[in-house]
């Protein structure tokens, strides 16, 4: 969890910087209604707190899902070669067929991995289900990006963290979809480290 705390601190600082930049540079765009994007961001927050990864995956941008799968398949393939695994691999307490991982959709990959991970790591589940997110506002960046600013309170160990976060939405074939949040990016880093450590 120490690595996750470090990621949280760094991404929180970046979020604050982004909030300041957007507040200065995009003030004139605030007249445009961003209710739709805020509603999607709120739905994403609710899905995460409920650990409903199937629903959350439906809200994610195609590029975000593809990036998630591509990033994590690399250490999985490295681990498979190190273990001389050709058919299946033990991944977070479950035996998974490599072909299913390779050929399944990015949405299926995301849902399966996140569900298994949060099942076997109680600390992560406790942290995410205990998050309290309050949306502060939103700003548009051009016609295809919207940044939703929120205040997040969460427990990390014995202390409570109060931070500002930014969730970005992007157009995906005419629909507004979520980019990966800094929390999910932190999970990706943790999983990468875990898989590469197993290789050794």
N, C-alpha and C. Protein backbone atom coordinates (compact mmCIF):
# COMPACT_ATOMS: atom_id res chain seq x y z
N UNK A 1 0.82 -1.21 0.00
CA UNK A 1 0.00 0.00 0.00
C UNK A 1 0.86 1.26 0.00
N UNK A 2 2.16 1.14 0.41
CA UNK A 2 3.03 2.32 0.41
C UNK A 2 3.16 2.90 -0.99
N UNK A 3 3.33 2.02 -1.98
CA UNK A 3 3.45 2.50 -3.36
C UNK A 3 2.17 3.19 -3.79
N UNK A 4 1.03 2.66 -3.35
CA UNK A 4 -0.25 3.28 -3.71
C UNK A 4 -0.38 4.66 -3.10
N UNK A 5 0.11 4.82 -1.86
CA UNK A 5 0.07 6.15 -1.21
C UNK A 5 0.92 7.15 -1.97
N UNK A 6 2.09 6.69 -2.45
CA UNK A 6 2.97 7.58 -3.21
C UNK A 6 2.31 8.01 -4.51
N UNK A 7 1.68 7.06 -5.19
CA UNK A 7 0.96 7.38 -6.43
C UNK A 7 -0.16 8.36 -6.15
N UNK A 8 -0.89 8.13 -5.06
CA UNK A 8 -2.00 9.01 -4.69
C UNK A 8 -1.52 10.44 -4.45
N UNK A 9 -0.40 10.59 -3.74
CA UNK A 9 0.14 11.92 -3.44
C UNK A 9 0.55 12.63 -4.72
N UNK A 10 1.26 11.93 -5.59
CA UNK A 10 1.73 12.55 -6.84
C UNK A 10 0.55 12.96 -7.72
N UNK A 11 -0.40 12.05 -7.89
CA UNK A 11 -1.54 12.36 -8.77
C UNK A 11 -2.41 13.45 -8.18
N UNK A 12 -2.46 13.53 -6.85
CA UNK A 12 -3.23 14.60 -6.21
C UNK A 12 -2.60 15.96 -6.49
N UNK A 13 -1.28 16.04 -6.42
CA UNK A 13 -0.58 17.29 -6.72
C UNK A 13 -0.79 17.70 -8.17
N UNK A 14 -0.73 16.71 -9.07
CA UNK A 14 -0.96 17.00 -10.47
C UNK A 14 -2.39 17.47 -10.70
N UNK A 15 -3.33 16.88 -9.98
CA UNK A 15 -4.72 17.27 -10.11
C UNK A 15 -4.93 18.71 -9.69
N UNK A 16 -4.30 19.10 -8.59
CA UNK A 16 -4.42 20.48 -8.11
C UNK A 16 -3.87 21.46 -9.13
N UNK A 17 -2.72 21.11 -9.73
CA UNK A 17 -2.12 21.96 -10.76
C UNK A 17 -3.06 22.10 -11.95
N UNK A 18 -3.67 20.98 -12.34
CA UNK A 18 -4.58 21.01 -13.48
C UNK A 18 -5.81 21.85 -13.18
N UNK A 19 -6.32 21.74 -11.96
CA UNK A 19 -7.47 22.56 -11.57
C UNK A 19 -7.15 24.04 -11.70
N UNK A 20 -5.98 24.43 -11.24
CA UNK A 20 -5.59 25.84 -11.31
C UNK A 20 -5.45 26.31 -12.75
N UNK A 21 -4.83 25.48 -13.59
CA UNK A 21 -4.65 25.85 -14.99
C UNK A 21 -6.00 25.98 -15.69
N UNK A 22 -6.88 25.03 -15.45
CA UNK A 22 -8.18 25.06 -16.11
C UNK A 22 -9.02 26.22 -15.60
N UNK A 23 -8.91 26.51 -14.31
CA UNK A 23 -9.69 27.61 -13.76
C UNK A 23 -9.31 28.94 -14.39
N UNK A 24 -8.03 29.09 -14.71
CA UNK A 24 -7.55 30.32 -15.33
C UNK A 24 -7.83 30.35 -16.82
N UNK A 25 -7.59 29.22 -17.50
CA UNK A 25 -7.62 29.21 -18.96
C UNK A 25 -8.96 28.95 -19.59
N UNK A 26 -9.90 28.39 -18.81
CA UNK A 26 -11.15 27.95 -19.44
C UNK A 26 -12.38 28.62 -18.83
N UNK A 27 -12.22 29.76 -18.18
CA UNK A 27 -13.31 30.41 -17.48
C UNK A 27 -14.48 30.72 -18.41
N UNK A 28 -14.20 31.16 -19.63
CA UNK A 28 -15.26 31.57 -20.54
C UNK A 28 -16.12 30.40 -20.99
N UNK A 29 -15.62 29.16 -20.87
CA UNK A 29 -16.38 28.03 -21.34
C UNK A 29 -17.39 27.54 -20.31
N UNK A 30 -17.39 28.12 -19.11
CA UNK A 30 -18.25 27.63 -18.06
C UNK A 30 -19.73 27.86 -18.36
N UNK A 31 -20.04 28.73 -19.33
CA UNK A 31 -21.44 28.99 -19.67
C UNK A 31 -22.07 27.77 -20.34
N UNK A 32 -21.27 26.90 -20.91
CA UNK A 32 -21.78 25.71 -21.58
C UNK A 32 -22.19 24.69 -20.52
N UNK A 33 -23.39 24.09 -20.69
CA UNK A 33 -23.86 23.11 -19.74
C UNK A 33 -23.05 21.82 -19.85
N UNK A 34 -22.57 21.35 -18.72
CA UNK A 34 -21.80 20.11 -18.67
C UNK A 34 -22.49 19.09 -17.77
N UNK A 35 -23.81 19.21 -17.66
CA UNK A 35 -24.57 18.31 -16.79
C UNK A 35 -24.43 16.85 -17.21
N UNK A 36 -24.42 16.60 -18.51
CA UNK A 36 -24.32 15.22 -18.99
C UNK A 36 -22.99 14.59 -18.55
N UNK A 37 -21.92 15.32 -18.74
CA UNK A 37 -20.60 14.80 -18.39
C UNK A 37 -20.46 14.61 -16.87
N UNK A 38 -21.02 15.55 -16.11
CA UNK A 38 -20.97 15.43 -14.65
C UNK A 38 -21.75 14.20 -14.20
N UNK A 39 -22.89 13.94 -14.83
CA UNK A 39 -23.70 12.77 -14.48
C UNK A 39 -22.94 11.47 -14.75
N UNK A 40 -22.20 11.43 -15.86
CA UNK A 40 -21.41 10.24 -16.19
C UNK A 40 -20.29 10.05 -15.17
N UNK A 41 -19.64 11.15 -14.82
CA UNK A 41 -18.57 11.07 -13.81
C UNK A 41 -19.12 10.59 -12.48
N UNK A 42 -20.30 11.07 -12.13
CA UNK A 42 -20.93 10.64 -10.86
C UNK A 42 -21.27 9.15 -10.91
N UNK A 43 -21.78 8.69 -12.05
CA UNK A 43 -22.09 7.27 -12.21
C UNK A 43 -20.83 6.42 -12.09
N UNK A 44 -19.73 6.93 -12.64
CA UNK A 44 -18.46 6.22 -12.53
C UNK A 44 -18.01 6.12 -11.09
N UNK A 45 -18.15 7.22 -10.34
CA UNK A 45 -17.79 7.21 -8.92
C UNK A 45 -18.60 6.17 -8.15
N UNK A 46 -19.90 6.14 -8.43
CA UNK A 46 -20.77 5.20 -7.73
C UNK A 46 -20.40 3.76 -8.05
N UNK A 47 -20.07 3.49 -9.31
CA UNK A 47 -19.68 2.13 -9.70
C UNK A 47 -18.39 1.71 -8.99
N UNK A 48 -17.44 2.63 -8.90
CA UNK A 48 -16.16 2.32 -8.25
C UNK A 48 -16.37 2.04 -6.76
N UNK A 49 -17.13 2.88 -6.08
CA UNK A 49 -17.37 2.70 -4.65
C UNK A 49 -18.08 1.38 -4.38
N UNK A 50 -18.93 0.96 -5.31
CA UNK A 50 -19.65 -0.31 -5.16
C UNK A 50 -18.84 -1.49 -5.69
N UNK A 51 -17.63 -1.21 -6.20
CA UNK A 51 -16.77 -2.24 -6.81
C UNK A 51 -17.51 -2.96 -7.95
N UNK A 52 -18.35 -2.21 -8.64
CA UNK A 52 -19.10 -2.76 -9.77
C UNK A 52 -18.29 -2.52 -11.04
N UNK A 53 -17.30 -3.37 -11.27
CA UNK A 53 -16.36 -3.15 -12.38
C UNK A 53 -16.99 -3.38 -13.73
N UNK A 54 -18.01 -4.21 -13.80
CA UNK A 54 -18.71 -4.42 -15.06
C UNK A 54 -19.39 -3.13 -15.51
N UNK A 55 -20.06 -2.46 -14.57
CA UNK A 55 -20.74 -1.21 -14.90
C UNK A 55 -19.73 -0.10 -15.19
N UNK A 56 -18.65 -0.07 -14.41
CA UNK A 56 -17.64 0.96 -14.61
C UNK A 56 -16.98 0.81 -15.99
N UNK A 57 -16.73 -0.42 -16.39
CA UNK A 57 -16.10 -0.66 -17.70
C UNK A 57 -16.96 -0.14 -18.83
N UNK A 58 -18.27 -0.21 -18.67
CA UNK A 58 -19.18 0.29 -19.71
C UNK A 58 -19.08 1.81 -19.88
N UNK A 59 -18.62 2.49 -18.84
CA UNK A 59 -18.51 3.95 -18.88
C UNK A 59 -17.15 4.41 -19.39
N UNK A 60 -16.20 3.48 -19.54
CA UNK A 60 -14.85 3.85 -19.93
C UNK A 60 -14.70 4.01 -21.44
N UNK A 61 -13.82 4.92 -21.82
CA UNK A 61 -13.49 5.14 -23.23
C UNK A 61 -12.79 3.91 -23.79
N UNK A 62 -13.04 3.62 -25.06
CA UNK A 62 -12.41 2.46 -25.71
C UNK A 62 -10.90 2.51 -25.59
N UNK A 63 -10.32 3.70 -25.79
CA UNK A 63 -8.87 3.84 -25.70
C UNK A 63 -8.36 3.54 -24.29
N UNK A 64 -9.14 3.91 -23.28
CA UNK A 64 -8.74 3.66 -21.90
C UNK A 64 -8.73 2.16 -21.62
N UNK A 65 -9.75 1.46 -22.08
CA UNK A 65 -9.82 0.01 -21.89
C UNK A 65 -8.68 -0.69 -22.63
N UNK A 66 -8.43 -0.26 -23.85
CA UNK A 66 -7.34 -0.87 -24.63
C UNK A 66 -5.99 -0.62 -23.98
N UNK A 67 -5.80 0.59 -23.45
CA UNK A 67 -4.54 0.92 -22.78
C UNK A 67 -4.35 0.06 -21.54
N UNK A 68 -5.41 -0.13 -20.78
CA UNK A 68 -5.36 -0.96 -19.58
C UNK A 68 -4.91 -2.37 -19.94
N UNK A 69 -5.53 -2.95 -20.96
CA UNK A 69 -5.19 -4.32 -21.35
C UNK A 69 -3.76 -4.41 -21.89
N UNK A 70 -3.41 -3.50 -22.78
CA UNK A 70 -2.06 -3.53 -23.38
C UNK A 70 -0.98 -3.40 -22.32
N UNK A 71 -1.18 -2.47 -21.38
CA UNK A 71 -0.19 -2.22 -20.35
C UNK A 71 0.03 -3.43 -19.46
N UNK A 72 -1.06 -4.12 -19.09
CA UNK A 72 -0.93 -5.24 -18.16
C UNK A 72 -0.67 -6.58 -18.84
N UNK A 73 -0.99 -6.69 -20.13
CA UNK A 73 -0.67 -7.93 -20.82
C UNK A 73 0.84 -8.08 -20.99
N UNK A 74 1.56 -6.98 -21.05
CA UNK A 74 3.02 -7.07 -21.21
C UNK A 74 3.68 -7.81 -20.05
N UNK A 75 3.46 -7.43 -18.77
CA UNK A 75 4.06 -8.20 -17.68
C UNK A 75 3.47 -9.60 -17.55
N UNK A 76 2.21 -9.78 -17.92
CA UNK A 76 1.61 -11.12 -17.88
C UNK A 76 2.33 -12.05 -18.86
N UNK A 77 2.62 -11.54 -20.05
CA UNK A 77 3.34 -12.35 -21.05
C UNK A 77 4.76 -12.64 -20.57
N UNK A 78 5.40 -11.66 -19.95
CA UNK A 78 6.74 -11.86 -19.41
C UNK A 78 6.72 -12.93 -18.32
N UNK A 79 5.72 -12.87 -17.45
CA UNK A 79 5.59 -13.86 -16.38
C UNK A 79 5.33 -15.24 -16.95
N UNK A 80 4.50 -15.31 -17.98
CA UNK A 80 4.19 -16.61 -18.60
C UNK A 80 5.45 -17.24 -19.18
N UNK A 81 6.28 -16.43 -19.83
CA UNK A 81 7.53 -16.97 -20.40
C UNK A 81 8.49 -17.40 -19.29
N UNK A 82 8.54 -16.63 -18.21
CA UNK A 82 9.43 -16.99 -17.10
C UNK A 82 9.00 -18.29 -16.44
N UNK A 83 7.70 -18.56 -16.42
CA UNK A 83 7.17 -19.78 -15.82
C UNK A 83 7.04 -20.92 -16.83
N UNK A 84 7.47 -20.66 -18.08
CA UNK A 84 7.32 -21.65 -19.15
C UNK A 84 5.86 -22.06 -19.33
N UNK A 85 4.96 -21.10 -19.09
CA UNK A 85 3.53 -21.37 -19.24
C UNK A 85 3.10 -21.15 -20.68
N UNK A 86 2.42 -22.14 -21.24
CA UNK A 86 1.97 -22.03 -22.62
C UNK A 86 0.45 -21.99 -22.74
N UNK A 87 -0.25 -22.56 -21.77
CA UNK A 87 -1.71 -22.64 -21.84
C UNK A 87 -2.42 -21.78 -20.81
N UNK A 88 -1.94 -21.85 -19.58
CA UNK A 88 -2.62 -21.14 -18.50
C UNK A 88 -1.61 -20.51 -17.54
N UNK A 89 -2.11 -19.60 -16.71
CA UNK A 89 -1.26 -18.90 -15.75
C UNK A 89 -2.08 -18.61 -14.51
N UNK A 90 -1.42 -18.65 -13.36
CA UNK A 90 -2.10 -18.31 -12.11
C UNK A 90 -2.05 -16.81 -11.93
N UNK A 91 -3.21 -16.20 -11.92
CA UNK A 91 -3.30 -14.74 -11.86
C UNK A 91 -4.26 -14.34 -10.76
N UNK A 92 -3.71 -13.78 -9.67
CA UNK A 92 -4.52 -13.31 -8.55
C UNK A 92 -5.43 -14.40 -8.00
N UNK A 93 -4.85 -15.56 -7.79
CA UNK A 93 -5.58 -16.64 -7.14
C UNK A 93 -6.42 -17.49 -8.06
N UNK A 94 -6.44 -17.19 -9.35
CA UNK A 94 -7.23 -17.96 -10.29
C UNK A 94 -6.36 -18.44 -11.44
N UNK A 95 -6.65 -19.64 -11.93
CA UNK A 95 -5.96 -20.15 -13.10
C UNK A 95 -6.69 -19.64 -14.34
N UNK A 96 -5.98 -18.90 -15.17
CA UNK A 96 -6.59 -18.25 -16.33
C UNK A 96 -5.94 -18.77 -17.60
N UNK A 97 -6.76 -19.03 -18.60
CA UNK A 97 -6.25 -19.45 -19.90
C UNK A 97 -5.63 -18.25 -20.62
N UNK A 98 -4.41 -18.41 -21.05
CA UNK A 98 -3.72 -17.30 -21.72
C UNK A 98 -4.45 -16.87 -22.99
N UNK A 99 -4.98 -17.81 -23.73
CA UNK A 99 -5.69 -17.46 -24.97
C UNK A 99 -6.91 -16.60 -24.68
N UNK A 100 -7.57 -16.88 -23.56
CA UNK A 100 -8.74 -16.07 -23.19
C UNK A 100 -8.33 -14.63 -22.88
N UNK A 101 -7.18 -14.49 -22.22
CA UNK A 101 -6.68 -13.15 -21.92
C UNK A 101 -6.31 -12.42 -23.20
N UNK A 102 -5.63 -13.11 -24.09
CA UNK A 102 -5.16 -12.48 -25.33
C UNK A 102 -6.31 -12.13 -26.27
N UNK A 103 -7.29 -13.02 -26.38
CA UNK A 103 -8.33 -12.85 -27.39
C UNK A 103 -9.61 -12.20 -26.87
N UNK A 104 -9.75 -12.11 -25.55
CA UNK A 104 -10.95 -11.48 -25.00
C UNK A 104 -10.95 -9.98 -25.25
N UNK A 105 -12.10 -9.37 -25.13
CA UNK A 105 -12.19 -7.92 -25.33
C UNK A 105 -11.50 -7.19 -24.19
N UNK A 106 -11.15 -5.95 -24.45
CA UNK A 106 -10.52 -5.13 -23.42
C UNK A 106 -11.46 -4.92 -22.23
N UNK A 107 -12.76 -4.83 -22.52
CA UNK A 107 -13.74 -4.66 -21.45
C UNK A 107 -13.80 -5.90 -20.56
N UNK A 108 -13.77 -7.07 -21.18
CA UNK A 108 -13.78 -8.32 -20.41
C UNK A 108 -12.51 -8.45 -19.57
N UNK A 109 -11.39 -8.09 -20.16
CA UNK A 109 -10.10 -8.15 -19.45
C UNK A 109 -10.13 -7.25 -18.22
N UNK A 110 -10.59 -6.01 -18.39
CA UNK A 110 -10.66 -5.05 -17.29
C UNK A 110 -11.55 -5.57 -16.18
N UNK A 111 -12.75 -6.01 -16.53
CA UNK A 111 -13.72 -6.45 -15.53
C UNK A 111 -13.21 -7.66 -14.75
N UNK A 112 -12.65 -8.62 -15.47
CA UNK A 112 -12.16 -9.84 -14.82
C UNK A 112 -10.99 -9.55 -13.89
N UNK A 113 -10.02 -8.78 -14.36
CA UNK A 113 -8.83 -8.51 -13.56
C UNK A 113 -9.18 -7.71 -12.31
N UNK A 114 -9.98 -6.67 -12.47
CA UNK A 114 -10.32 -5.82 -11.34
C UNK A 114 -11.16 -6.59 -10.31
N UNK A 115 -12.08 -7.42 -10.78
CA UNK A 115 -12.91 -8.21 -9.88
C UNK A 115 -12.05 -9.17 -9.06
N UNK A 116 -11.15 -9.88 -9.73
CA UNK A 116 -10.29 -10.82 -9.02
C UNK A 116 -9.35 -10.11 -8.05
N UNK A 117 -8.77 -9.00 -8.50
CA UNK A 117 -7.82 -8.26 -7.67
C UNK A 117 -8.47 -7.77 -6.38
N UNK A 118 -9.64 -7.17 -6.50
CA UNK A 118 -10.29 -6.60 -5.32
C UNK A 118 -10.89 -7.68 -4.42
N UNK A 119 -11.06 -8.89 -4.95
CA UNK A 119 -11.53 -9.99 -4.14
C UNK A 119 -10.44 -10.50 -3.20
N UNK A 120 -9.20 -10.50 -3.68
CA UNK A 120 -8.12 -11.09 -2.88
C UNK A 120 -7.28 -10.05 -2.13
N UNK A 121 -7.55 -8.76 -2.35
CA UNK A 121 -6.81 -7.71 -1.63
C UNK A 121 -7.82 -6.88 -0.82
N UNK A 122 -8.13 -7.32 0.39
CA UNK A 122 -9.15 -6.64 1.20
C UNK A 122 -8.86 -5.16 1.45
N UNK A 123 -7.57 -4.81 1.60
CA UNK A 123 -7.23 -3.41 1.89
C UNK A 123 -7.69 -2.48 0.76
N UNK A 124 -7.51 -2.93 -0.49
CA UNK A 124 -7.96 -2.13 -1.62
C UNK A 124 -9.47 -1.97 -1.61
N UNK A 125 -10.16 -3.08 -1.35
CA UNK A 125 -11.63 -3.03 -1.32
C UNK A 125 -12.11 -2.06 -0.25
N UNK A 126 -11.48 -2.13 0.93
CA UNK A 126 -11.88 -1.24 2.02
C UNK A 126 -11.65 0.22 1.66
N UNK A 127 -10.49 0.49 1.04
CA UNK A 127 -10.17 1.87 0.66
C UNK A 127 -11.16 2.41 -0.36
N UNK A 128 -11.47 1.64 -1.38
CA UNK A 128 -12.34 2.12 -2.45
C UNK A 128 -13.79 2.22 -2.02
N UNK A 129 -14.29 1.26 -1.26
CA UNK A 129 -15.68 1.32 -0.82
C UNK A 129 -15.90 2.43 0.20
N UNK A 130 -14.80 2.87 0.84
CA UNK A 130 -14.92 3.94 1.82
C UNK A 130 -14.70 5.33 1.26
N UNK A 131 -14.48 5.43 -0.06
CA UNK A 131 -14.24 6.75 -0.66
C UNK A 131 -15.51 7.60 -0.67
N UNK A 132 -15.34 8.85 -0.36
CA UNK A 132 -16.43 9.83 -0.42
C UNK A 132 -16.04 10.89 -1.45
N UNK A 133 -16.74 10.89 -2.58
CA UNK A 133 -16.43 11.81 -3.67
C UNK A 133 -17.49 12.89 -3.78
N UNK A 134 -17.06 14.13 -3.82
CA UNK A 134 -17.98 15.25 -4.01
C UNK A 134 -17.54 16.05 -5.22
N UNK A 135 -18.40 16.13 -6.22
CA UNK A 135 -18.07 16.85 -7.44
C UNK A 135 -18.14 18.35 -7.19
N UNK A 136 -17.04 19.03 -7.52
CA UNK A 136 -16.93 20.47 -7.29
C UNK A 136 -17.39 21.26 -8.51
N UNK A 137 -17.05 20.77 -9.70
CA UNK A 137 -17.42 21.47 -10.92
C UNK A 137 -16.78 20.80 -12.12
N UNK A 138 -16.91 21.42 -13.28
CA UNK A 138 -16.36 20.85 -14.50
C UNK A 138 -16.00 21.96 -15.47
N UNK A 139 -15.00 21.67 -16.30
CA UNK A 139 -14.59 22.62 -17.33
C UNK A 139 -14.37 21.86 -18.63
N UNK A 140 -14.71 22.52 -19.75
CA UNK A 140 -14.50 21.92 -21.07
C UNK A 140 -13.17 22.38 -21.63
N UNK A 141 -12.52 21.47 -22.33
CA UNK A 141 -11.29 21.79 -23.05
C UNK A 141 -11.53 21.48 -24.52
N UNK A 142 -11.88 22.49 -25.28
CA UNK A 142 -12.26 22.27 -26.66
C UNK A 142 -13.62 21.60 -26.73
N UNK A 143 -13.86 20.87 -27.83
CA UNK A 143 -15.16 20.23 -28.04
C UNK A 143 -15.19 18.76 -27.65
N UNK A 144 -14.03 18.18 -27.37
CA UNK A 144 -14.00 16.72 -27.18
C UNK A 144 -13.46 16.27 -25.83
N UNK A 145 -13.14 17.23 -24.95
CA UNK A 145 -12.65 16.87 -23.62
C UNK A 145 -13.38 17.67 -22.55
N UNK A 146 -13.71 17.01 -21.46
CA UNK A 146 -14.29 17.68 -20.30
C UNK A 146 -13.60 17.14 -19.05
N UNK A 147 -13.20 18.05 -18.16
CA UNK A 147 -12.55 17.66 -16.92
C UNK A 147 -13.49 17.94 -15.75
N UNK A 148 -13.81 16.90 -15.00
CA UNK A 148 -14.69 17.03 -13.84
C UNK A 148 -13.82 17.03 -12.59
N UNK A 149 -13.95 18.08 -11.80
CA UNK A 149 -13.14 18.25 -10.59
C UNK A 149 -13.92 17.75 -9.38
N UNK A 150 -13.27 16.94 -8.55
CA UNK A 150 -13.96 16.43 -7.37
C UNK A 150 -13.05 16.41 -6.15
N UNK A 151 -13.68 16.50 -5.01
CA UNK A 151 -12.98 16.37 -3.74
C UNK A 151 -13.21 14.95 -3.24
N UNK A 152 -12.12 14.26 -2.89
CA UNK A 152 -12.20 12.87 -2.46
C UNK A 152 -11.64 12.72 -1.06
N UNK A 153 -12.42 12.07 -0.20
CA UNK A 153 -11.96 11.71 1.13
C UNK A 153 -11.90 10.19 1.20
N UNK A 154 -10.76 9.67 1.67
CA UNK A 154 -10.60 8.23 1.74
C UNK A 154 -9.65 7.87 2.87
N UNK A 155 -9.82 6.65 3.37
CA UNK A 155 -8.96 6.16 4.45
C UNK A 155 -7.80 5.38 3.86
N UNK A 156 -6.58 5.74 4.27
CA UNK A 156 -5.38 5.00 3.91
C UNK A 156 -4.69 4.59 5.20
N UNK A 157 -4.86 3.33 5.56
CA UNK A 157 -4.33 2.88 6.84
C UNK A 157 -5.07 3.52 7.98
N UNK A 158 -4.32 4.19 8.84
CA UNK A 158 -4.93 4.81 10.03
C UNK A 158 -5.24 6.29 9.83
N UNK A 159 -5.08 6.79 8.63
CA UNK A 159 -5.32 8.22 8.43
C UNK A 159 -6.30 8.45 7.29
N UNK A 160 -6.92 9.62 7.32
CA UNK A 160 -7.88 10.00 6.29
C UNK A 160 -7.22 11.01 5.36
N UNK A 161 -7.34 10.76 4.08
CA UNK A 161 -6.75 11.63 3.06
C UNK A 161 -7.87 12.44 2.41
N UNK A 162 -7.64 13.74 2.33
CA UNK A 162 -8.58 14.66 1.68
C UNK A 162 -7.84 15.27 0.50
N UNK A 163 -8.29 14.98 -0.72
CA UNK A 163 -7.54 15.41 -1.90
C UNK A 163 -8.47 15.87 -3.01
N UNK A 164 -7.91 16.60 -3.96
CA UNK A 164 -8.63 17.01 -5.15
C UNK A 164 -8.21 16.10 -6.30
N UNK A 165 -9.19 15.66 -7.08
CA UNK A 165 -8.94 14.81 -8.23
C UNK A 165 -9.66 15.36 -9.46
N UNK A 166 -9.15 14.98 -10.61
CA UNK A 166 -9.78 15.37 -11.86
C UNK A 166 -10.08 14.11 -12.67
N UNK A 167 -11.32 13.96 -13.07
CA UNK A 167 -11.72 12.86 -13.95
C UNK A 167 -11.99 13.45 -15.33
N UNK A 168 -11.38 12.87 -16.34
CA UNK A 168 -11.51 13.39 -17.70
C UNK A 168 -12.46 12.53 -18.54
N UNK A 169 -13.31 13.19 -19.30
CA UNK A 169 -14.20 12.51 -20.23
C UNK A 169 -13.83 12.92 -21.65
N UNK A 170 -13.97 11.96 -22.57
CA UNK A 170 -13.59 12.17 -23.96
C UNK A 170 -14.64 11.59 -24.87
N UNK A 171 -14.84 12.21 -26.00
CA UNK A 171 -15.80 11.71 -26.98
C UNK A 171 -15.36 10.36 -27.53
N UNK A 172 -16.30 9.42 -27.62
CA UNK A 172 -16.03 8.09 -28.16
C UNK A 172 -17.19 7.72 -29.07
N UNK A 173 -17.00 7.95 -30.37
CA UNK A 173 -18.04 7.68 -31.37
C UNK A 173 -19.36 8.36 -30.98
N UNK A 174 -19.26 9.62 -30.63
CA UNK A 174 -20.45 10.41 -30.34
C UNK A 174 -20.94 10.35 -28.91
N UNK A 175 -20.30 9.53 -28.07
CA UNK A 175 -20.70 9.41 -26.67
C UNK A 175 -19.57 9.90 -25.77
N UNK A 176 -19.95 10.43 -24.62
CA UNK A 176 -18.96 10.84 -23.64
C UNK A 176 -18.58 9.65 -22.79
N UNK A 177 -17.27 9.38 -22.71
CA UNK A 177 -16.77 8.23 -21.95
C UNK A 177 -15.64 8.68 -21.03
N UNK A 178 -15.45 7.93 -19.96
CA UNK A 178 -14.43 8.27 -18.97
C UNK A 178 -13.05 7.78 -19.39
N UNK A 179 -12.04 8.60 -19.10
CA UNK A 179 -10.67 8.15 -19.17
C UNK A 179 -10.35 7.44 -17.85
N UNK A 180 -9.25 6.70 -17.80
CA UNK A 180 -8.85 6.06 -16.56
C UNK A 180 -8.55 7.13 -15.51
N UNK A 181 -9.07 6.93 -14.31
CA UNK A 181 -8.81 7.89 -13.23
C UNK A 181 -7.43 7.65 -12.64
N UNK A 182 -6.95 8.61 -11.86
CA UNK A 182 -5.64 8.44 -11.24
C UNK A 182 -5.63 7.26 -10.27
N UNK A 183 -6.78 6.94 -9.69
CA UNK A 183 -6.86 5.78 -8.80
C UNK A 183 -6.63 4.49 -9.57
N UNK A 184 -7.23 4.37 -10.75
CA UNK A 184 -7.05 3.17 -11.57
C UNK A 184 -5.63 3.12 -12.13
N UNK A 185 -5.07 4.28 -12.47
CA UNK A 185 -3.67 4.32 -12.92
C UNK A 185 -2.76 3.80 -11.80
N UNK A 186 -3.09 4.15 -10.57
CA UNK A 186 -2.31 3.65 -9.44
C UNK A 186 -2.42 2.14 -9.31
N UNK A 187 -3.61 1.60 -9.56
CA UNK A 187 -3.80 0.15 -9.52
C UNK A 187 -2.94 -0.52 -10.60
N UNK A 188 -2.90 0.07 -11.78
CA UNK A 188 -2.09 -0.49 -12.87
C UNK A 188 -0.63 -0.60 -12.45
N UNK A 189 -0.10 0.45 -11.81
CA UNK A 189 1.28 0.44 -11.36
C UNK A 189 1.52 -0.66 -10.32
N UNK A 190 0.57 -0.83 -9.40
CA UNK A 190 0.70 -1.86 -8.38
C UNK A 190 0.71 -3.25 -9.00
N UNK A 191 -0.18 -3.48 -9.95
CA UNK A 191 -0.27 -4.79 -10.60
C UNK A 191 1.00 -5.07 -11.39
N UNK A 192 1.50 -4.07 -12.11
CA UNK A 192 2.75 -4.25 -12.85
C UNK A 192 3.88 -4.67 -11.92
N UNK A 193 4.02 -3.96 -10.82
CA UNK A 193 5.08 -4.27 -9.86
C UNK A 193 4.93 -5.68 -9.31
N UNK A 194 3.69 -6.06 -8.98
CA UNK A 194 3.44 -7.38 -8.43
C UNK A 194 3.80 -8.48 -9.40
N UNK A 195 3.41 -8.30 -10.67
CA UNK A 195 3.69 -9.32 -11.68
C UNK A 195 5.18 -9.45 -11.97
N UNK A 196 5.86 -8.30 -12.05
CA UNK A 196 7.28 -8.34 -12.35
C UNK A 196 8.10 -8.90 -11.19
N UNK A 197 7.62 -8.69 -9.96
CA UNK A 197 8.29 -9.26 -8.79
C UNK A 197 8.14 -10.78 -8.80
N UNK A 198 7.00 -11.26 -9.22
CA UNK A 198 6.79 -12.72 -9.32
C UNK A 198 7.72 -13.35 -10.33
N UNK A 199 8.06 -12.61 -11.37
CA UNK A 199 8.97 -13.13 -12.39
C UNK A 199 10.31 -13.48 -11.78
N UNK A 200 10.74 -12.63 -10.82
CA UNK A 200 12.03 -12.88 -10.20
C UNK A 200 11.99 -14.06 -9.24
